[in-house]
């Protein structure tokens, strides 16, 4: 069996057109005649989808209409667990390949339809109907001359208003009806991830201190100049230090300690780090701590809370029932009973 497979592989390699590469994969392409699915490279080579998500997308695309593609249905035929399949479906839904649509049936029942699109990018730009090129106007045939009829005596004609004759050589054309352009259909998929060509939001400016005093400027400059001793990849130029000084000064003004600032700025950097100054500017802006509370706010926290008087419990002298009252005595039922006996005795 090994000899037959090796011979077949050698024969297939000999039929590959062009010189074979010295490294990398060599494709042996055998056309499919049945049981195949066309998959676009935008899915097979998607830079943001995991291999599990790509495989699940290919499997869903190969299934017929109406097939079950839920988490449990896919887990029953795949080796991946339900958690990995659920994460893959979330990835496909985030990139527009998969969508779940809730629909109400005529009977009033609400169902959820799962829709899979093999090219979600095409739904963002629906195709317009092809325009029909204008046809050249055909020349009108020249009418043949008609011989004049023989005039016979006839009664005097009744005067009638006739429409003005059209000029010779210019046939009357029907009025053109303006055709409204077809309204673009709403796309079925609304991707959650914006396309790469979407305009990006402007970057937030670097935080500034309320007053850049010489002390703050000196402390921020020393902090940035000494940063590479603690994190060697954050080696900054003099221009980078001067540009980032206001952001560090804003942190120092908000009572942030230098060691805390250093951990926030240099913790878990990307590898390799190409632009350390840009990363520091981003973290100085996005991780800016809140301003410390003022004296009035701290005094409000230390202010004692008002206490509310609580009516104590008392025990009824007749029935031993507990009731709330500032003074000991009888409960309400016993007071009403005593009042009724007093009225009866007085009567």
Protein backbone atom coordinates (compact mmCIF):
# COMPACT_ATOMS: atom_id res chain seq x y z
CA UNK A 1 0.00 0.00 0.00
CA UNK A 2 2.84 2.44 0.82
CA UNK A 3 4.46 1.76 -2.58
CA UNK A 4 1.21 2.47 -4.44
CA UNK A 5 0.63 5.71 -2.52
CA UNK A 6 4.22 6.86 -3.09
CA UNK A 7 3.97 6.10 -6.81
CA UNK A 8 0.66 7.96 -7.09
CA UNK A 9 2.09 10.94 -5.24
CA UNK A 10 5.16 11.02 -7.50
CA UNK A 11 2.96 10.89 -10.60
CA UNK A 12 0.73 13.68 -9.22
CA UNK A 13 3.76 15.87 -8.46
CA UNK A 14 5.04 15.36 -11.99
CA UNK A 15 1.75 16.70 -13.35
CA UNK A 16 1.91 19.92 -11.30
CA UNK A 17 2.48 22.78 -13.80
CA UNK A 18 5.56 24.96 -13.39
CA UNK A 19 8.64 24.44 -11.21
CA UNK A 20 7.99 23.10 -7.72
CA UNK A 21 8.83 25.42 -4.80
CA UNK A 22 11.81 24.49 -2.65
CA UNK A 23 9.91 25.27 0.57
CA UNK A 24 6.32 25.68 1.67
CA UNK A 25 3.22 23.80 0.65
CA UNK A 26 2.73 22.20 -2.77
CA UNK A 27 -0.90 22.06 -3.95
CA UNK A 28 -2.13 19.04 -5.85
CA UNK A 29 -5.51 20.19 -7.22
CA UNK A 30 -7.93 17.46 -8.28
CA UNK A 31 -11.28 18.85 -9.51
CA UNK A 32 -14.37 17.85 -7.53
CA UNK A 33 -17.22 16.22 -9.39
CA UNK A 34 -19.71 15.96 -6.53
CA UNK A 35 -20.10 16.68 -2.80
CA UNK A 36 -18.08 19.90 -2.63
CA UNK A 37 -18.61 23.40 -1.21
CA UNK A 38 -17.14 26.65 -2.55
CA UNK A 39 -15.46 28.65 0.25
CA UNK A 40 -14.08 32.15 -0.27
CA UNK A 41 -10.59 33.13 0.78
CA UNK A 42 -12.07 35.99 2.81
CA UNK A 43 -13.31 33.27 5.17
CA UNK A 44 -10.54 30.69 4.84
CA UNK A 45 -7.83 33.35 5.39
CA UNK A 46 -9.76 35.71 7.70
CA UNK A 47 -7.18 37.48 9.88
CA UNK A 48 -9.50 37.94 12.88
CA UNK A 49 -11.27 34.55 13.00
CA UNK A 50 -9.88 31.56 14.85
CA UNK A 51 -9.33 28.29 13.05
CA UNK A 52 -12.23 26.80 15.02
CA UNK A 53 -14.56 29.55 13.79
CA UNK A 54 -13.40 29.05 10.18
CA UNK A 55 -13.98 25.30 10.45
CA UNK A 56 -17.43 25.74 11.98
CA UNK A 57 -18.31 28.25 9.22
CA UNK A 58 -17.24 25.78 6.52
CA UNK A 59 -19.28 23.01 8.14
CA UNK A 60 -22.39 25.21 8.38
CA UNK A 61 -21.94 26.31 4.76
CA UNK A 62 -21.78 22.67 3.62
CA UNK A 63 -25.05 21.70 5.36
CA UNK A 64 -28.39 21.78 3.46
CA UNK A 65 -31.21 24.23 4.06
CA UNK A 66 -33.05 23.63 7.33
CA UNK A 67 -30.22 21.74 9.01
CA UNK A 68 -29.79 22.25 12.76
CA UNK A 69 -26.77 24.44 13.50
CA UNK A 70 -27.23 25.03 17.23
CA UNK A 71 -24.47 24.46 19.77
CA UNK A 72 -25.68 21.01 20.80
CA UNK A 73 -26.37 19.95 17.20
CA UNK A 74 -22.84 20.91 16.11
CA UNK A 75 -21.25 19.38 19.21
CA UNK A 76 -22.92 16.07 18.39
CA UNK A 77 -20.94 15.85 15.11
CA UNK A 78 -17.73 17.72 16.02
CA UNK A 79 -14.89 16.87 18.37
CA UNK A 80 -14.88 20.40 19.84
CA UNK A 81 -16.80 20.95 23.04
CA UNK A 82 -19.84 23.15 23.46
CA UNK A 83 -17.78 26.05 24.89
CA UNK A 84 -15.45 26.22 21.88
CA UNK A 85 -18.37 25.90 19.46
CA UNK A 86 -20.26 28.67 21.27
CA UNK A 87 -17.20 30.94 21.12
CA UNK A 88 -16.79 30.20 17.40
CA UNK A 89 -20.45 31.05 16.71
CA UNK A 90 -20.02 34.34 18.59
CA UNK A 91 -17.00 35.14 16.39
CA UNK A 92 -18.97 34.43 13.21
CA UNK A 93 -21.86 36.54 14.47
CA UNK A 94 -19.53 39.44 15.31
CA UNK A 95 -18.07 39.42 11.77
CA UNK A 96 -21.43 39.19 9.98
CA UNK A 97 -21.32 35.58 8.78
CA UNK A 98 -24.01 34.38 11.19
CA UNK A 99 -27.13 36.10 12.46
CA UNK A 100 -30.08 35.06 14.57
CA UNK A 101 -33.38 36.74 13.60
CA UNK A 102 -36.54 36.64 15.70
CA UNK A 103 -39.69 36.41 13.58
CA UNK A 104 -43.40 36.27 14.46
CA UNK A 105 -45.47 33.71 12.54
CA UNK A 106 -49.07 34.42 11.44
CA UNK A 107 -50.21 32.18 14.30
CA UNK A 108 -48.56 34.55 16.79
CA UNK A 109 -45.73 32.20 17.69
CA UNK A 110 -42.23 33.75 17.81
CA UNK A 111 -39.41 31.71 16.34
CA UNK A 112 -35.69 32.31 15.92
CA UNK A 113 -34.21 31.85 12.47
CA UNK A 114 -30.47 31.25 12.03
CA UNK A 115 -29.15 32.87 8.85
CA UNK A 116 -25.67 32.19 7.44
CA UNK A 117 -24.20 34.36 4.65
CA UNK A 118 -21.13 33.17 2.76
CA UNK A 119 -20.20 36.76 1.70
CA UNK A 120 -21.36 39.30 4.31
CA UNK A 121 -19.29 42.07 2.73
CA UNK A 122 -21.42 41.84 -0.44
CA UNK A 123 -24.56 42.70 1.57
CA UNK A 124 -23.09 46.06 2.52
CA UNK A 125 -22.96 47.09 -1.15
CA UNK A 126 -26.08 45.64 -2.87
CA UNK A 127 -25.72 45.22 -6.60
CA UNK A 128 -27.67 47.68 -8.75
CA UNK A 129 -29.62 46.52 -11.79
CA UNK A 130 -27.64 46.82 -15.00
CA UNK A 131 -28.56 49.88 -17.02
CA UNK A 132 -29.90 49.23 -20.54
CA UNK A 133 -27.81 51.17 -23.09
CA UNK A 134 -29.84 53.62 -25.17
CA UNK A 135 -30.79 52.27 -28.61
CA UNK A 136 -30.00 54.48 -31.62
CA UNK A 137 -33.07 56.08 -33.16
CA UNK A 138 -34.13 54.53 -36.44
CA UNK A 139 -34.68 56.94 -39.37
CA UNK A 140 -38.34 57.50 -40.22
CA UNK A 141 -39.35 56.22 -43.68
CA UNK A 142 -40.12 58.97 -46.18
CA UNK A 143 -43.83 58.78 -47.11
CA UNK A 144 -44.56 58.28 -50.81
CA UNK A 145 -46.34 61.14 -52.60
CA UNK A 146 -50.13 60.66 -52.73
CA UNK A 147 -51.92 61.80 -55.92
CA UNK A 148 -54.44 64.58 -55.38
CA UNK A 149 -58.07 63.33 -55.46
CA UNK A 150 -60.58 64.57 -58.00
CA UNK A 151 -62.65 67.39 -56.51
CA UNK A 152 -66.43 66.79 -56.64
CA UNK A 153 -69.19 69.20 -55.70
CA UNK A 154 -70.02 68.77 -52.02
CA UNK A 155 -72.21 70.59 -49.51
CA UNK A 156 -70.64 73.42 -47.56
CA UNK A 157 -68.67 71.97 -44.67
CA UNK A 158 -69.55 72.83 -41.10
CA UNK A 159 -66.70 74.86 -39.53
CA UNK A 160 -64.95 72.79 -36.84
CA UNK A 161 -61.94 73.47 -34.68
CA UNK A 162 -59.12 71.18 -35.68
CA UNK A 163 -55.86 70.71 -33.85
CA UNK A 164 -52.89 72.54 -35.24
CA UNK A 165 -51.01 70.29 -37.66
CA UNK A 166 -47.62 69.09 -36.56
CA UNK A 167 -44.62 70.44 -38.48
CA UNK A 168 -43.59 68.30 -41.38
CA UNK A 169 -40.68 65.95 -40.77
CA UNK A 170 -41.06 66.01 -36.92
CA UNK A 171 -43.26 63.16 -35.70
CA UNK A 172 -45.00 63.66 -32.36
CA UNK A 173 -43.32 61.74 -29.55
CA UNK A 174 -45.05 60.45 -26.42
CA UNK A 175 -44.23 62.42 -23.25
CA UNK A 176 -41.42 60.86 -21.24
CA UNK A 177 -42.46 59.51 -17.85
CA UNK A 178 -39.71 59.97 -15.25
CA UNK A 179 -38.64 56.62 -13.89
CA UNK A 180 -37.74 56.65 -10.20
CA UNK A 181 -34.45 54.94 -9.43
CA UNK A 182 -34.87 51.64 -7.59
CA UNK A 183 -34.62 52.02 -3.84
CA UNK A 184 -31.64 50.14 -2.43
CA UNK A 185 -32.74 47.16 -0.42
CA UNK A 186 -31.83 47.13 3.24
CA UNK A 187 -28.99 44.71 3.94
CA UNK A 188 -29.93 41.55 5.79
CA UNK A 189 -26.79 41.61 7.91
CA UNK A 190 -25.69 44.57 10.03
CA UNK A 191 -22.08 43.78 10.97
CA UNK A 192 -21.03 44.73 14.47
CA UNK A 193 -17.43 45.22 13.44
CA UNK A 194 -16.98 48.32 11.22
CA UNK A 195 -15.23 47.76 7.89
CA UNK A 196 -11.58 48.81 7.52
CA UNK A 197 -12.64 51.77 5.34
CA UNK A 198 -14.93 53.22 8.02
CA UNK A 199 -13.79 56.61 9.38
CA UNK A 200 -12.03 56.30 12.71
CA UNK A 201 -12.90 58.41 15.72
CA UNK A 202 -10.36 61.14 16.46
CA UNK A 203 -7.89 60.37 19.22
CA UNK A 204 -8.38 61.96 22.59
CA UNK A 205 -5.78 64.62 23.42
CA UNK A 206 -3.08 63.96 25.97
CA UNK A 207 -4.21 64.99 29.49
CA UNK A 208 -2.90 68.31 30.73
CA UNK A 209 -2.34 69.44 34.35
CA UNK A 210 -4.22 72.44 35.64
CA UNK A 211 -0.90 74.20 36.28
CA UNK A 212 2.40 72.82 34.93
CA UNK A 213 4.65 74.13 37.66
CA UNK A 214 8.46 73.78 37.46
CA UNK A 215 8.31 71.11 40.17
CA UNK A 216 5.80 69.01 38.20
CA UNK A 217 7.77 69.48 34.96
CA UNK A 218 11.00 68.37 36.62
CA UNK A 219 9.39 65.36 38.30
CA UNK A 220 7.65 64.21 35.06
CA UNK A 221 10.86 64.63 33.04
CA UNK A 222 12.88 62.62 35.57
CA UNK A 223 10.20 59.90 35.61
CA UNK A 224 10.19 59.47 31.80
CA UNK A 225 13.97 59.66 31.49
CA UNK A 226 14.37 56.94 34.13
CA UNK A 227 11.65 54.68 32.71
CA UNK A 228 14.00 52.55 30.60
CA UNK A 229 15.87 51.37 33.72
CA UNK A 230 12.73 49.55 34.90
CA UNK A 231 11.47 48.54 31.42
CA UNK A 232 14.27 48.47 28.80
CA UNK A 233 11.83 48.44 25.85
CA UNK A 234 10.57 51.91 26.85
CA UNK A 235 13.66 53.83 25.76
CA UNK A 236 12.44 57.32 24.78
CA UNK A 237 14.03 60.10 22.80
CA UNK A 238 14.26 63.67 24.07
CA UNK A 239 11.37 64.79 21.84
CA UNK A 240 9.19 61.93 23.14
CA UNK A 241 9.97 62.92 26.73
CA UNK A 242 9.02 66.57 26.15
CA UNK A 243 5.80 65.53 24.41
CA UNK A 244 4.73 63.14 27.21
CA UNK A 245 5.67 65.38 30.16
CA UNK A 246 2.19 67.05 30.44
CA UNK A 247 0.47 63.64 30.61
CA UNK A 248 2.71 62.38 33.42
CA UNK A 249 2.34 65.73 35.20
CA UNK A 250 -1.45 65.33 35.10
CA UNK A 251 -1.09 61.94 36.83
CA UNK A 252 1.28 63.36 39.46
CA UNK A 253 -1.11 66.24 40.05
CA UNK A 254 -3.82 63.71 40.84
CA UNK A 255 -1.71 62.26 43.68
CA UNK A 256 -0.63 59.14 41.72
CA UNK A 257 2.55 57.56 43.06
CA UNK A 258 5.47 57.08 40.61
CA UNK A 259 5.57 53.31 41.13
CA UNK A 260 1.82 53.06 40.41
CA UNK A 261 2.24 55.17 37.25
CA UNK A 262 5.15 52.97 36.14
CA UNK A 263 3.13 49.76 36.58
CA UNK A 264 0.14 51.20 34.72
CA UNK A 265 2.24 52.38 31.77
CA UNK A 266 4.64 49.46 31.33
CA UNK A 267 2.58 46.43 32.40
CA UNK A 268 2.14 43.72 29.73
CA UNK A 269 3.32 45.59 26.60
CA UNK A 270 2.86 44.05 23.13
CA UNK A 271 5.71 42.04 21.61
CA UNK A 272 7.46 43.35 19.68
CA UNK A 273 6.95 46.93 20.84
CA UNK A 274 7.46 49.14 17.78
CA UNK A 275 6.31 52.54 19.08
CA UNK A 276 6.79 52.87 22.86
CA UNK A 277 5.95 56.60 22.86
CA UNK A 278 2.57 55.98 21.18
CA UNK A 279 1.74 53.25 23.69
CA UNK A 280 2.62 55.54 26.61
CA UNK A 281 0.50 58.36 25.16
CA UNK A 282 -2.46 55.98 24.75
CA UNK A 283 -2.22 54.62 28.30
CA UNK A 284 -1.67 58.08 29.81
CA UNK A 285 -4.92 59.19 28.15
CA UNK A 286 -7.13 56.12 28.64
CA UNK A 287 -6.00 55.11 32.17
CA UNK A 288 -6.01 58.59 33.71
CA UNK A 289 -7.07 58.23 37.38
CA UNK A 290 -9.85 60.44 38.79
CA UNK A 291 -9.04 63.63 40.61
CA UNK A 292 -8.70 63.20 44.39
CA UNK A 293 -11.72 64.32 46.41
CA UNK A 294 -11.66 67.73 48.02
CA UNK A 295 -11.77 68.61 51.69
CA UNK A 296 -15.54 69.20 51.60
CA UNK A 297 -16.20 65.77 50.07
CA UNK A 298 -14.06 64.04 52.72
CA UNK A 299 -15.79 66.02 55.48
CA UNK A 300 -19.16 64.88 54.15
CA UNK A 301 -17.98 61.26 54.39
CA UNK A 302 -16.87 61.73 58.02
CA UNK A 303 -20.06 63.52 59.03
CA UNK A 304 -22.14 61.37 61.43
CA UNK A 305 -25.37 60.08 60.03
CA UNK A 306 -28.63 61.21 61.65
CA UNK A 307 -30.13 58.68 64.04
CA UNK A 308 -33.82 57.89 64.15
CA UNK A 309 -35.64 57.19 67.44
CA UNK A 310 -36.99 53.62 67.63
CA UNK A 311 -40.04 52.94 69.76
CA UNK A 312 -39.16 50.11 72.21
CA UNK A 313 -41.14 46.92 72.77
CA UNK A 314 -43.38 46.62 75.87
CA UNK A 315 -45.14 43.58 77.38
CA UNK A 316 -48.88 43.85 78.02
CA UNK A 317 -49.72 43.52 81.70
CA UNK A 318 -52.88 41.48 80.97
CA UNK A 319 -52.11 39.14 78.01
CA UNK A 320 -48.26 39.28 77.94
CA UNK A 321 -48.38 40.32 74.26
CA UNK A 322 -45.46 42.38 72.92
CA UNK A 323 -46.28 45.79 71.49
CA UNK A 324 -44.40 49.00 70.69
CA UNK A 325 -44.96 51.92 73.06
CA UNK A 326 -42.78 54.49 74.81
CA UNK A 327 -44.37 53.59 78.17
CA UNK A 328 -45.36 50.24 79.71
CA UNK A 329 -49.05 49.36 79.98
CA UNK A 330 -51.62 47.41 78.00
CA UNK A 331 -51.85 46.53 74.31
CA UNK A 332 -54.54 47.95 72.08
CA UNK A 333 -56.88 44.94 72.32
CA UNK A 334 -56.71 44.92 76.12
CA UNK A 335 -57.34 48.69 76.25
CA UNK A 336 -60.43 48.30 74.08
CA UNK A 337 -61.68 45.41 76.25
CA UNK A 338 -61.18 47.44 79.43
CA UNK A 339 -63.03 50.41 77.87
CA UNK A 340 -65.98 48.15 76.88
CA UNK A 341 -66.23 46.74 80.45
CA UNK A 342 -66.12 50.26 81.88
CA UNK A 343 -69.01 51.39 79.63
CA UNK A 344 -71.06 48.32 80.56
CA UNK A 345 -70.50 48.88 84.28
CA UNK A 346 -71.47 52.56 83.97
CA UNK A 347 -74.68 51.65 82.17
